[in-house]
Amino acid sequence: MKNEEGSILISTLLFVSVTAMLIGGISRVISTQVTQLNQIHYSYEARSMISMTETILTKEFEDSQKLKNGKIKFNKGEVKISKQSDKRCLLEVSLADIKYTLTEEYVLDKRE
C-alpha cells in the first residue's frame, strides 16, 4: 500500500492535463467556427447590397439609357459604382464598422 500512495497524485495530474488540452482544443474549434460564421454573415450582407444595387442600376438604365459613377448607402455599408463602359460597371461593397469589402463586375447586357 505504501508504494501506491504517489500513484493517485500522478493519475490526477495526468487527468487534469488531458482535460485541459481537451478544453483548449474545443475552445479553438469553437472560436474558428464563430469566425467562419461571421465571414459568411458578412458575405450575405455584401451580396444583398450588390443585388439591390443591380436592381437600382437596371431601373436607372431603363429610364436614362446610361450608367453613372456614384455611391449607394445602405444601413450596413455602401456600394461604390465605378463605370467601366456604357453597359459595364464595377461594384465595390464596403461594410460599415468592419473591414470587409467585396468587388463584383456588373454587366447590363449579359451577352456582352
PDB file of N, CA and C in Angstrom:
ATOM      1  N   MET A   1       0.823  -1.191   0.000  1.00  0.00           N
ATOM      2  CA  MET A   1       0.000   0.000   0.000  1.00  0.00           C
ATOM      3  C   MET A   1       0.866   1.254   0.000  1.00  0.00           C
ATOM      4  N   LYS A   2       2.019   1.172   0.671  1.00  0.00           N
ATOM      5  CA  LYS A   2       2.887   2.326   0.770  1.00  0.00           C
ATOM      6  C   LYS A   2       3.444   2.737  -0.589  1.00  0.00           C
ATOM      7  N   ASN A   3       3.671   1.792  -1.499  1.00  0.00           N
ATOM      8  CA  ASN A   3       4.208   2.086  -2.822  1.00  0.00           C
ATOM      9  C   ASN A   3       3.176   2.758  -3.732  1.00  0.00           C
ATOM     10  N   GLU A   4       1.896   2.632  -3.437  1.00  0.00           N
ATOM     11  CA  GLU A   4       0.833   3.157  -4.292  1.00  0.00           C
ATOM     12  C   GLU A   4       0.349   4.542  -3.869  1.00  0.00           C
ATOM     13  N   GLU A   5       0.869   5.120  -2.825  1.00  0.00           N
ATOM     14  CA  GLU A   5       0.395   6.420  -2.338  1.00  0.00           C
ATOM     15  C   GLU A   5       0.646   7.538  -3.347  1.00  0.00           C
ATOM     16  N   GLY A   6       1.730   7.537  -4.070  1.00  0.00           N
ATOM     17  CA  GLY A   6       2.041   8.586  -5.043  1.00  0.00           C
ATOM     18  C   GLY A   6       1.355   8.399  -6.383  1.00  0.00           C
ATOM     19  N   SER A   7       0.819   7.226  -6.645  1.00  0.00           N
ATOM     20  CA  SER A   7       0.191   6.972  -7.951  1.00  0.00           C
ATOM     21  C   SER A   7      -1.107   7.756  -8.122  1.00  0.00           C
ATOM     22  N   ILE A   8      -1.807   8.051  -7.052  1.00  0.00           N
ATOM     23  CA  ILE A   8      -3.043   8.838  -7.145  1.00  0.00           C
ATOM     24  C   ILE A   8      -2.718  10.256  -7.598  1.00  0.00           C
ATOM     25  N   LEU A   9      -1.653  10.826  -7.084  1.00  0.00           N
ATOM     26  CA  LEU A   9      -1.239  12.164  -7.487  1.00  0.00           C
ATOM     27  C   LEU A   9      -0.875  12.196  -8.973  1.00  0.00           C
ATOM     28  N   ILE A  10      -0.133  11.213  -9.430  1.00  0.00           N
ATOM     29  CA  ILE A  10       0.252  11.154 -10.841  1.00  0.00           C
ATOM     30  C   ILE A  10      -0.981  10.983 -11.722  1.00  0.00           C
ATOM     31  N   SER A  11      -1.902  10.123 -11.326  1.00  0.00           N
ATOM     32  CA  SER A  11      -3.134   9.911 -12.097  1.00  0.00           C
ATOM     33  C   SER A  11      -3.961  11.187 -12.165  1.00  0.00           C
ATOM     34  N   THR A  12      -4.043  11.896 -11.047  1.00  0.00           N
ATOM     35  CA  THR A  12      -4.808  13.142 -11.004  1.00  0.00           C
ATOM     36  C   THR A  12      -4.168  14.198 -11.898  1.00  0.00           C
ATOM     37  N   LEU A  13      -2.857  14.341 -11.845  1.00  0.00           N
ATOM     38  CA  LEU A  13      -2.163  15.312 -12.696  1.00  0.00           C
ATOM     39  C   LEU A  13      -2.324  14.964 -14.171  1.00  0.00           C
ATOM     40  N   LEU A  14      -2.246  13.700 -14.504  1.00  0.00           N
ATOM     41  CA  LEU A  14      -2.430  13.262 -15.883  1.00  0.00           C
ATOM     42  C   LEU A  14      -3.853  13.562 -16.356  1.00  0.00           C
ATOM     43  N   PHE A  15      -4.840  13.276 -15.518  1.00  0.00           N
ATOM     44  CA  PHE A  15      -6.237  13.545 -15.866  1.00  0.00           C
ATOM     45  C   PHE A  15      -6.472  15.043 -16.072  1.00  0.00           C
ATOM     46  N   VAL A  16      -5.936  15.873 -15.186  1.00  0.00           N
ATOM     47  CA  VAL A  16      -6.119  17.325 -15.287  1.00  0.00           C
ATOM     48  C   VAL A  16      -5.445  17.866 -16.548  1.00  0.00           C
ATOM     49  N   SER A  17      -4.247  17.377 -16.863  1.00  0.00           N
ATOM     50  CA  SER A  17      -3.557  17.883 -18.059  1.00  0.00           C
ATOM     51  C   SER A  17      -4.271  17.457 -19.341  1.00  0.00           C
ATOM     52  N   VAL A  18      -4.768  16.230 -19.407  1.00  0.00           N
ATOM     53  CA  VAL A  18      -5.518  15.780 -20.591  1.00  0.00           C
ATOM     54  C   VAL A  18      -6.811  16.579 -20.722  1.00  0.00           C
ATOM     55  N   THR A  19      -7.492  16.822 -19.623  1.00  0.00           N
ATOM     56  CA  THR A  19      -8.728  17.612 -19.649  1.00  0.00           C
ATOM     57  C   THR A  19      -8.447  19.042 -20.095  1.00  0.00           C
ATOM     58  N   ALA A  20      -7.363  19.627 -19.632  1.00  0.00           N
ATOM     59  CA  ALA A  20      -7.010  20.995 -20.031  1.00  0.00           C
ATOM     60  C   ALA A  20      -6.717  21.072 -21.525  1.00  0.00           C
ATOM     61  N   MET A  21      -6.004  20.081 -22.056  1.00  0.00           N
ATOM     62  CA  MET A  21      -5.728  20.074 -23.500  1.00  0.00           C
ATOM     63  C   MET A  21      -7.016  19.895 -24.300  1.00  0.00           C
ATOM     64  N   LEU A  22      -7.901  19.059 -23.818  1.00  0.00           N
ATOM     65  CA  LEU A  22      -9.178  18.837 -24.499  1.00  0.00           C
ATOM     66  C   LEU A  22     -10.021  20.111 -24.508  1.00  0.00           C
ATOM     67  N   ILE A  23     -10.099  20.786 -23.393  1.00  0.00           N
ATOM     68  CA  ILE A  23     -10.862  22.036 -23.315  1.00  0.00           C
ATOM     69  C   ILE A  23     -10.231  23.104 -24.203  1.00  0.00           C
ATOM     70  N   GLY A  24      -8.906  23.181 -24.225  1.00  0.00           N
ATOM     71  CA  GLY A  24      -8.221  24.140 -25.105  1.00  0.00           C
ATOM     72  C   GLY A  24      -8.517  23.872 -26.571  1.00  0.00           C
ATOM     73  N   GLY A  25      -8.514  22.610 -26.970  1.00  0.00           N
ATOM     74  CA  GLY A  25      -8.829  22.251 -28.357  1.00  0.00           C
ATOM     75  C   GLY A  25     -10.260  22.572 -28.726  1.00  0.00           C
ATOM     76  N   ILE A  26     -11.178  22.281 -27.827  1.00  0.00           N
ATOM     77  CA  ILE A  26     -12.592  22.575 -28.084  1.00  0.00           C
ATOM     78  C   ILE A  26     -12.811  24.075 -28.209  1.00  0.00           C
ATOM     79  N   SER A  27     -12.174  24.859 -27.346  1.00  0.00           N
ATOM     80  CA  SER A  27     -12.350  26.319 -27.429  1.00  0.00           C
ATOM     81  C   SER A  27     -11.773  26.865 -28.732  1.00  0.00           C
ATOM     82  N   ARG A  28     -10.685  26.286 -29.222  1.00  0.00           N
ATOM     83  CA  ARG A  28     -10.091  26.718 -30.503  1.00  0.00           C
ATOM     84  C   ARG A  28     -11.033  26.402 -31.664  1.00  0.00           C
ATOM     85  N   VAL A  29     -11.648  25.230 -31.646  1.00  0.00           N
ATOM     86  CA  VAL A  29     -12.601  24.851 -32.698  1.00  0.00           C
ATOM     87  C   VAL A  29     -13.805  25.782 -32.674  1.00  0.00           C
ATOM     88  N   ILE A  30     -14.322  26.078 -31.505  1.00  0.00           N
ATOM     89  CA  ILE A  30     -15.479  26.970 -31.391  1.00  0.00           C
ATOM     90  C   ILE A  30     -15.121  28.368 -31.883  1.00  0.00           C
ATOM     91  N   SER A  31     -13.951  28.857 -31.526  1.00  0.00           N
ATOM     92  CA  SER A  31     -13.515  30.179 -31.982  1.00  0.00           C
ATOM     93  C   SER A  31     -13.419  30.235 -33.504  1.00  0.00           C
ATOM     94  N   THR A  32     -12.879  29.198 -34.113  1.00  0.00           N
ATOM     95  CA  THR A  32     -12.771  29.144 -35.571  1.00  0.00           C
ATOM     96  C   THR A  32     -14.150  29.109 -36.219  1.00  0.00           C
ATOM     97  N   GLN A  33     -15.070  28.361 -35.644  1.00  0.00           N
ATOM     98  CA  GLN A  33     -16.426  28.275 -36.185  1.00  0.00           C
ATOM     99  C   GLN A  33     -17.141  29.621 -36.109  1.00  0.00           C
ATOM    100  N   VAL A  34     -16.972  30.337 -35.020  1.00  0.00           N
ATOM    101  CA  VAL A  34     -17.597  31.655 -34.875  1.00  0.00           C
ATOM    102  C   VAL A  34     -17.041  32.623 -35.915  1.00  0.00           C
ATOM    103  N   THR A  35     -15.732  32.587 -36.130  1.00  0.00           N
ATOM    104  CA  THR A  35     -15.117  33.445 -37.147  1.00  0.00           C
ATOM    105  C   THR A  35     -15.660  33.119 -38.532  1.00  0.00           C
ATOM    106  N   GLN A  36     -15.785  31.841 -38.835  1.00  0.00           N
ATOM    107  CA  GLN A  36     -16.306  31.422 -40.134  1.00  0.00           C
ATOM    108  C   GLN A  36     -17.759  31.861 -40.309  1.00  0.00           C
ATOM    109  N   LEU A  37     -18.572  31.723 -39.283  1.00  0.00           N
ATOM    110  CA  LEU A  37     -19.971  32.152 -39.371  1.00  0.00           C
ATOM    111  C   LEU A  37     -20.077  33.662 -39.569  1.00  0.00           C
ATOM    112  N   ASN A  38     -19.210  34.429 -38.923  1.00  0.00           N
ATOM    113  CA  ASN A  38     -19.205  35.881 -39.125  1.00  0.00           C
ATOM    114  C   ASN A  38     -18.855  36.225 -40.564  1.00  0.00           C
ATOM    115  N   GLN A  39     -17.870  35.552 -41.142  1.00  0.00           N
ATOM    116  CA  GLN A  39     -17.489  35.803 -42.535  1.00  0.00           C
ATOM    117  C   GLN A  39     -18.638  35.472 -43.485  1.00  0.00           C
ATOM    118  N   ILE A  40     -19.339  34.387 -43.226  1.00  0.00           N
ATOM    119  CA  ILE A  40     -20.498  34.031 -44.057  1.00  0.00           C
ATOM    120  C   ILE A  40     -21.577  35.097 -43.931  1.00  0.00           C
ATOM    121  N   HIS A  41     -21.809  35.569 -42.720  1.00  0.00           N
ATOM    122  CA  HIS A  41     -22.805  36.615 -42.483  1.00  0.00           C
ATOM    123  C   HIS A  41     -22.449  37.891 -43.252  1.00  0.00           C
ATOM    124  N   TYR A  42     -21.178  38.302 -43.191  1.00  0.00           N
ATOM    125  CA  TYR A  42     -20.739  39.494 -43.916  1.00  0.00           C
ATOM    126  C   TYR A  42     -20.891  39.308 -45.421  1.00  0.00           C
ATOM    127  N   SER A  43     -20.604  38.120 -45.896  1.00  0.00           N
ATOM    128  CA  SER A  43     -20.729  37.840 -47.326  1.00  0.00           C
ATOM    129  C   SER A  43     -22.185  37.959 -47.774  1.00  0.00           C
ATOM    130  N   TYR A  44     -23.114  37.430 -46.989  1.00  0.00           N
ATOM    131  CA  TYR A  44     -24.534  37.548 -47.334  1.00  0.00           C
ATOM    132  C   TYR A  44     -24.982  39.007 -47.349  1.00  0.00           C
ATOM    133  N   GLU A  45     -24.534  39.787 -46.369  1.00  0.00           N
ATOM    134  CA  GLU A  45     -24.893  41.208 -46.345  1.00  0.00           C
ATOM    135  C   GLU A  45     -24.360  41.927 -47.585  1.00  0.00           C
ATOM    136  N   ALA A  46     -23.102  41.668 -47.934  1.00  0.00           N
ATOM    137  CA  ALA A  46     -22.493  42.329 -49.091  1.00  0.00           C
ATOM    138  C   ALA A  46     -23.194  41.913 -50.382  1.00  0.00           C
ATOM    139  N   ARG A  47     -23.484  40.637 -50.523  1.00  0.00           N
ATOM    140  CA  ARG A  47     -24.158  40.170 -51.741  1.00  0.00           C
ATOM    141  C   ARG A  47     -25.581  40.720 -51.840  1.00  0.00           C
ATOM    142  N   SER A  48     -26.239  40.896 -50.711  1.00  0.00           N
ATOM    143  CA  SER A  48     -27.575  41.504 -50.721  1.00  0.00           C
ATOM    144  C   SER A  48     -27.507  42.946 -51.203  1.00  0.00           C
ATOM    145  N   MET A  49     -26.500  43.686 -50.742  1.00  0.00           N
ATOM    146  CA  MET A  49     -26.343  45.073 -51.188  1.00  0.00           C
ATOM    147  C   MET A  49     -26.023  45.131 -52.679  1.00  0.00           C
ATOM    148  N   ILE A  50     -25.217  44.193 -53.173  1.00  0.00           N
ATOM    149  CA  ILE A  50     -24.921  44.156 -54.608  1.00  0.00           C
ATOM    150  C   ILE A  50     -26.185  43.854 -55.400  1.00  0.00           C
ATOM    151  N   SER A  51     -26.976  42.917 -54.933  1.00  0.00           N
ATOM    152  CA  SER A  51     -28.214  42.567 -55.627  1.00  0.00           C
ATOM    153  C   SER A  51     -29.173  43.752 -55.690  1.00  0.00           C
ATOM    154  N   MET A  52     -29.315  44.468 -54.585  1.00  0.00           N
ATOM    155  CA  MET A  52     -30.197  45.636 -54.573  1.00  0.00           C
ATOM    156  C   MET A  52     -29.646  46.734 -55.476  1.00  0.00           C
ATOM    157  N   THR A  53     -28.328  46.908 -55.498  1.00  0.00           N
ATOM    158  CA  THR A  53     -27.711  47.907 -56.372  1.00  0.00           C
ATOM    159  C   THR A  53     -27.923  47.548 -57.835  1.00  0.00           C
ATOM    160  N   GLU A  54     -27.804  46.268 -58.180  1.00  0.00           N
ATOM    161  CA  GLU A  54     -28.037  45.840 -59.560  1.00  0.00           C
ATOM    162  C   GLU A  54     -29.468  46.142 -59.991  1.00  0.00           C
ATOM    163  N   THR A  55     -30.424  45.938 -59.097  1.00  0.00           N
ATOM    164  CA  THR A  55     -31.819  46.262 -59.405  1.00  0.00           C
ATOM    165  C   THR A  55     -31.979  47.756 -59.648  1.00  0.00           C
ATOM    166  N   ILE A  56     -31.369  48.569 -58.795  1.00  0.00           N
ATOM    167  CA  ILE A  56     -31.441  50.026 -58.956  1.00  0.00           C
ATOM    168  C   ILE A  56     -30.794  50.454 -60.268  1.00  0.00           C
ATOM    169  N   LEU A  57     -29.621  49.891 -60.586  1.00  0.00           N
ATOM    170  CA  LEU A  57     -28.929  50.252 -61.827  1.00  0.00           C
ATOM    171  C   LEU A  57     -29.727  49.844 -63.062  1.00  0.00           C
ATOM    172  N   THR A  58     -30.360  48.692 -63.015  1.00  0.00           N
ATOM    173  CA  THR A  58     -31.170  48.239 -64.154  1.00  0.00           C
ATOM    174  C   THR A  58     -32.333  49.191 -64.393  1.00  0.00           C
ATOM    175  N   LYS A  59     -33.019  49.595 -63.324  1.00  0.00           N
ATOM    176  CA  LYS A  59     -34.136  50.539 -63.473  1.00  0.00           C
ATOM    177  C   LYS A  59     -33.643  51.894 -63.961  1.00  0.00           C
ATOM    178  N   GLU A  60     -32.510  52.347 -63.426  1.00  0.00           N
ATOM    179  CA  GLU A  60     -31.959  53.638 -63.850  1.00  0.00           C
ATOM    180  C   GLU A  60     -31.556  53.594 -65.323  1.00  0.00           C
ATOM    181  N   PHE A  61     -30.989  52.479 -65.761  1.00  0.00           N
ATOM    182  CA  PHE A  61     -30.580  52.358 -67.160  1.00  0.00           C
ATOM    183  C   PHE A  61     -31.798  52.331 -68.078  1.00  0.00           C
ATOM    184  N   GLU A  62     -32.877  51.688 -67.634  1.00  0.00           N
ATOM    185  CA  GLU A  62     -34.102  51.669 -68.440  1.00  0.00           C
ATOM    186  C   GLU A  62     -34.658  53.077 -68.612  1.00  0.00           C
ATOM    187  N   ASP A  63     -34.522  53.909 -67.578  1.00  0.00           N
ATOM    188  CA  ASP A  63     -35.043  55.279 -67.637  1.00  0.00           C
ATOM    189  C   ASP A  63     -34.145  56.215 -68.442  1.00  0.00           C
ATOM    190  N   SER A  64     -32.833  56.174 -68.201  1.00  0.00           N
ATOM    191  CA  SER A  64     -31.946  57.174 -68.809  1.00  0.00           C
ATOM    192  C   SER A  64     -31.002  56.612 -69.870  1.00  0.00           C
ATOM    193  N   GLN A  65     -30.945  55.291 -70.035  1.00  0.00           N
ATOM    194  CA  GLN A  65     -30.083  54.623 -71.014  1.00  0.00           C
ATOM    195  C   GLN A  65     -28.592  54.892 -70.805  1.00  0.00           C
ATOM    196  N   LYS A  66     -28.182  55.189 -69.561  1.00  0.00           N
ATOM    197  CA  LYS A  66     -26.754  55.335 -69.287  1.00  0.00           C
ATOM    198  C   LYS A  66     -26.468  55.029 -67.819  1.00  0.00           C
ATOM    199  N   LEU A  67     -25.242  54.637 -67.580  1.00  0.00           N
ATOM    200  CA  LEU A  67     -24.773  54.376 -66.220  1.00  0.00           C
ATOM    201  C   LEU A  67     -23.898  55.528 -65.755  1.00  0.00           C
ATOM    202  N   LYS A  68     -23.900  55.773 -64.446  1.00  0.00           N
ATOM    203  CA  LYS A  68     -23.083  56.844 -63.882  1.00  0.00           C
ATOM    204  C   LYS A  68     -22.267  56.303 -62.715  1.00  0.00           C
ATOM    205  N   ASN A  69     -21.164  56.993 -62.421  1.00  0.00           N
ATOM    206  CA  ASN A  69     -20.405  56.696 -61.206  1.00  0.00           C
ATOM    207  C   ASN A  69     -21.198  57.200 -60.010  1.00  0.00           C
ATOM    208  N   GLY A  70     -20.983  56.588 -58.857  1.00  0.00           N
ATOM    209  CA  GLY A  70     -21.670  57.077 -57.673  1.00  0.00           C
ATOM    210  C   GLY A  70     -21.555  56.118 -56.507  1.00  0.00           C
ATOM    211  N   LYS A  71     -22.314  56.424 -55.462  1.00  0.00           N
ATOM    212  CA  LYS A  71     -22.356  55.590 -54.262  1.00  0.00           C
ATOM    213  C   LYS A  71     -23.805  55.417 -53.847  1.00  0.00           C
ATOM    214  N   ILE A  72     -24.110  54.249 -53.360  1.00  0.00           N
ATOM    215  CA  ILE A  72     -25.421  53.988 -52.770  1.00  0.00           C
ATOM    216  C   ILE A  72     -25.164  53.568 -51.329  1.00  0.00           C
ATOM    217  N   LYS A  73     -25.785  54.278 -50.394  1.00  0.00           N
ATOM    218  CA  LYS A  73     -25.576  53.985 -48.977  1.00  0.00           C
ATOM    219  C   LYS A  73     -26.724  53.128 -48.451  1.00  0.00           C
ATOM    220  N   PHE A  74     -26.361  52.136 -47.673  1.00  0.00           N
ATOM    221  CA  PHE A  74     -27.307  51.250 -47.007  1.00  0.00           C
ATOM    222  C   PHE A  74     -27.067  51.331 -45.502  1.00  0.00           C
ATOM    223  N   ASN A  75     -27.946  50.697 -44.728  1.00  0.00           N
ATOM    224  CA  ASN A  75     -27.781  50.702 -43.271  1.00  0.00           C
ATOM    225  C   ASN A  75     -26.476  50.045 -42.835  1.00  0.00           C
ATOM    226  N   LYS A  76     -26.069  49.000 -43.522  1.00  0.00           N
ATOM    227  CA  LYS A  76     -24.901  48.218 -43.115  1.00  0.00           C
ATOM    228  C   LYS A  76     -23.621  48.594 -43.848  1.00  0.00           C
ATOM    229  N   GLY A  77     -23.681  49.536 -44.788  1.00  0.00           N
ATOM    230  CA  GLY A  77     -22.486  49.918 -45.530  1.00  0.00           C
ATOM    231  C   GLY A  77     -22.847  50.694 -46.778  1.00  0.00           C
ATOM    232  N   GLU A  78     -21.942  50.672 -47.767  1.00  0.00           N
ATOM    233  CA  GLU A  78     -22.196  51.394 -49.006  1.00  0.00           C
ATOM    234  C   GLU A  78     -21.621  50.635 -50.191  1.00  0.00           C
ATOM    235  N   VAL A  79     -22.170  50.948 -51.369  1.00  0.00           N
ATOM    236  CA  VAL A  79     -21.704  50.360 -52.618  1.00  0.00           C
ATOM    237  C   VAL A  79     -21.193  51.489 -53.497  1.00  0.00           C
ATOM    238  N   LYS A  80     -19.943  51.383 -53.915  1.00  0.00           N
ATOM    239  CA  LYS A  80     -19.336  52.366 -54.813  1.00  0.00           C
ATOM    240  C   LYS A  80     -19.478  51.840 -56.240  1.00  0.00           C
ATOM    241  N   ILE A  81     -20.019  52.676 -57.125  1.00  0.00           N
ATOM    242  CA  ILE A  81     -20.243  52.303 -58.516  1.00  0.00           C
ATOM    243  C   ILE A  81     -19.206  53.015 -59.377  1.00  0.00           C
ATOM    244  N   SER A  82     -18.395  52.239 -60.089  1.00  0.00           N
ATOM    245  CA  SER A  82     -17.374  52.788 -60.989  1.00  0.00           C
ATOM    246  C   SER A  82     -17.692  52.336 -62.408  1.00  0.00           C
ATOM    247  N   LYS A  83     -18.054  53.296 -63.254  1.00  0.00           N
ATOM    248  CA  LYS A  83     -18.414  52.977 -64.634  1.00  0.00           C
ATOM    249  C   LYS A  83     -17.174  52.529 -65.403  1.00  0.00           C
ATOM    250  N   GLN A  84     -17.264  51.384 -66.086  1.00  0.00           N
ATOM    251  CA  GLN A  84     -16.176  50.854 -66.903  1.00  0.00           C
ATOM    252  C   GLN A  84     -16.426  51.104 -68.392  1.00  0.00           C
ATOM    253  N   SER A  85     -17.675  50.951 -68.815  1.00  0.00           N
ATOM    254  CA  SER A  85     -18.074  51.223 -70.201  1.00  0.00           C
ATOM    255  C   SER A  85     -19.555  51.590 -70.176  1.00  0.00           C
ATOM    256  N   ASP A  86     -20.184  51.668 -71.357  1.00  0.00           N
ATOM    257  CA  ASP A  86     -21.589  52.081 -71.412  1.00  0.00           C
ATOM    258  C   ASP A  86     -22.524  51.121 -70.680  1.00  0.00           C
ATOM    259  N   LYS A  87     -22.209  49.827 -70.696  1.00  0.00           N
ATOM    260  CA  LYS A  87     -23.089  48.846 -70.058  1.00  0.00           C
ATOM    261  C   LYS A  87     -22.368  48.000 -69.017  1.00  0.00           C
ATOM    262  N   ARG A  88     -21.238  48.459 -68.556  1.00  0.00           N
ATOM    263  CA  ARG A  88     -20.441  47.676 -67.613  1.00  0.00           C
ATOM    264  C   ARG A  88     -19.945  48.589 -66.494  1.00  0.00           C
ATOM    265  N   CYS A  89     -20.060  48.101 -65.256  1.00  0.00           N
ATOM    266  CA  CYS A  89     -19.539  48.871 -64.129  1.00  0.00           C
ATOM    267  C   CYS A  89     -19.014  47.928 -63.053  1.00  0.00           C
ATOM    268  N   LEU A  90     -18.223  48.487 -62.171  1.00  0.00           N
ATOM    269  CA  LEU A  90     -17.626  47.745 -61.074  1.00  0.00           C
ATOM    270  C   LEU A  90     -18.330  48.168 -59.790  1.00  0.00           C
ATOM    271  N   LEU A  91     -18.806  47.191 -59.022  1.00  0.00           N
ATOM    272  CA  LEU A  91     -19.489  47.459 -57.761  1.00  0.00           C
ATOM    273  C   LEU A  91     -18.577  47.026 -56.618  1.00  0.00           C
ATOM    274  N   GLU A  92     -18.269  47.968 -55.730  1.00  0.00           N
ATOM    275  CA  GLU A  92     -17.402  47.668 -54.591  1.00  0.00           C
ATOM    276  C   GLU A  92     -18.165  47.927 -53.302  1.00  0.00           C
ATOM    277  N   VAL A  93     -18.405  46.869 -52.550  1.00  0.00           N
ATOM    278  CA  VAL A  93     -19.153  46.955 -51.299  1.00  0.00           C
ATOM    279  C   VAL A  93     -18.178  47.098 -50.139  1.00  0.00           C
ATOM    280  N   SER A  94     -18.465  48.050 -49.263  1.00  0.00           N
ATOM    281  CA  SER A  94     -17.716  48.206 -48.012  1.00  0.00           C
ATOM    282  C   SER A  94     -18.723  48.174 -46.875  1.00  0.00           C
ATOM    283  N   LEU A  95     -18.568  47.207 -45.986  1.00  0.00           N
ATOM    284  CA  LEU A  95     -19.472  47.125 -44.847  1.00  0.00           C
ATOM    285  C   LEU A  95     -19.021  48.094 -43.764  1.00  0.00           C
ATOM    286  N   ALA A  96     -19.980  48.709 -43.093  1.00  0.00           N
ATOM    287  CA  ALA A  96     -19.678  49.665 -42.026  1.00  0.00           C
ATOM    288  C   ALA A  96     -19.202  48.919 -40.782  1.00  0.00           C
ATOM    289  N   ASP A  97     -18.353  49.548 -40.027  1.00  0.00           N
ATOM    290  CA  ASP A  97     -17.878  49.071 -38.722  1.00  0.00           C
ATOM    291  C   ASP A  97     -16.937  47.866 -38.780  1.00  0.00           C
ATOM    292  N   ILE A  98     -16.738  47.268 -39.947  1.00  0.00           N
ATOM    293  CA  ILE A  98     -15.812  46.142 -40.049  1.00  0.00           C
ATOM    294  C   ILE A  98     -14.997  46.277 -41.324  1.00  0.00           C
ATOM    295  N   LYS A  99     -13.890  45.596 -41.386  1.00  0.00           N
ATOM    296  CA  LYS A  99     -13.066  45.616 -42.597  1.00  0.00           C
ATOM    297  C   LYS A  99     -13.485  44.453 -43.481  1.00  0.00           C
ATOM    298  N   TYR A 100     -14.493  44.663 -44.285  1.00  0.00           N
ATOM    299  CA  TYR A 100     -14.929  43.640 -45.236  1.00  0.00           C
ATOM    300  C   TYR A 100     -15.321  44.350 -46.517  1.00  0.00           C
ATOM    301  N   THR A 101     -14.688  43.986 -47.613  1.00  0.00           N
ATOM    302  CA  THR A 101     -15.031  44.553 -48.913  1.00  0.00           C
ATOM    303  C   THR A 101     -15.236  43.422 -49.906  1.00  0.00           C
ATOM    304  N   LEU A 102     -16.092  43.691 -50.875  1.00  0.00           N
ATOM    305  CA  LEU A 102     -16.376  42.733 -51.937  1.00  0.00           C
ATOM    306  C   LEU A 102     -16.514  43.524 -53.221  1.00  0.00           C
ATOM    307  N   THR A 103     -15.841  43.080 -54.269  1.00  0.00           N
ATOM    308  CA  THR A 103     -15.901  43.756 -55.560  1.00  0.00           C
ATOM    309  C   THR A 103     -16.465  42.794 -56.587  1.00  0.00           C
ATOM    310  N   GLU A 104     -17.398  43.299 -57.387  1.00  0.00           N
ATOM    311  CA  GLU A 104     -18.023  42.471 -58.413  1.00  0.00           C
ATOM    312  C   GLU A 104     -18.286  43.314 -59.647  1.00  0.00           C
ATOM    313  N   GLU A 105     -18.136  42.712 -60.819  1.00  0.00           N
ATOM    314  CA  GLU A 105     -18.412  43.414 -62.068  1.00  0.00           C
ATOM    315  C   GLU A 105     -19.872  43.200 -62.436  1.00  0.00           C
ATOM    316  N   TYR A 106     -20.521  44.270 -62.876  1.00  0.00           N
ATOM    317  CA  TYR A 106     -21.924  44.194 -63.274  1.00  0.00           C
ATOM    318  C   TYR A 106     -22.032  44.577 -64.742  1.00  0.00           C
ATOM    319  N   VAL A 107     -22.676  43.712 -65.527  1.00  0.00           N
ATOM    320  CA  VAL A 107     -22.877  43.954 -66.950  1.00  0.00           C
ATOM    321  C   VAL A 107     -24.378  43.983 -67.195  1.00  0.00           C
ATOM    322  N   LEU A 108     -24.859  45.089 -67.796  1.00  0.00           N
ATOM    323  CA  LEU A 108     -26.292  45.203 -68.056  1.00  0.00           C
ATOM    324  C   LEU A 108     -26.759  44.195 -69.101  1.00  0.00           C
ATOM    325  N   ASP A 109     -26.041  44.088 -70.189  1.00  0.00           N
ATOM    326  CA  ASP A 109     -26.398  43.147 -71.239  1.00  0.00           C
ATOM    327  C   ASP A 109     -25.489  41.938 -71.087  1.00  0.00           C
ATOM    328  N   LYS A 110     -26.020  40.822 -70.620  1.00  0.00           N
ATOM    329  CA  LYS A 110     -25.209  39.647 -70.307  1.00  0.00           C
ATOM    330  C   LYS A 110     -24.549  39.039 -71.550  1.00  0.00           C
ATOM    331  N   ARG A 111     -24.997  39.395 -72.753  1.00  0.00           N
ATOM    332  CA  ARG A 111     -24.402  38.863 -73.982  1.00  0.00           C
ATOM    333  C   ARG A 111     -23.074  39.534 -74.303  1.00  0.00           C
ATOM    334  N   GLU A 112     -22.761  40.629 -73.657  1.00  0.00           N
ATOM    335  CA  GLU A 112     -21.533  41.401 -73.930  1.00  0.00           C
ATOM    336  C   GLU A 112     -20.293  40.689 -73.452  1.00  0.00           C
TER     337      GLU A 112
END
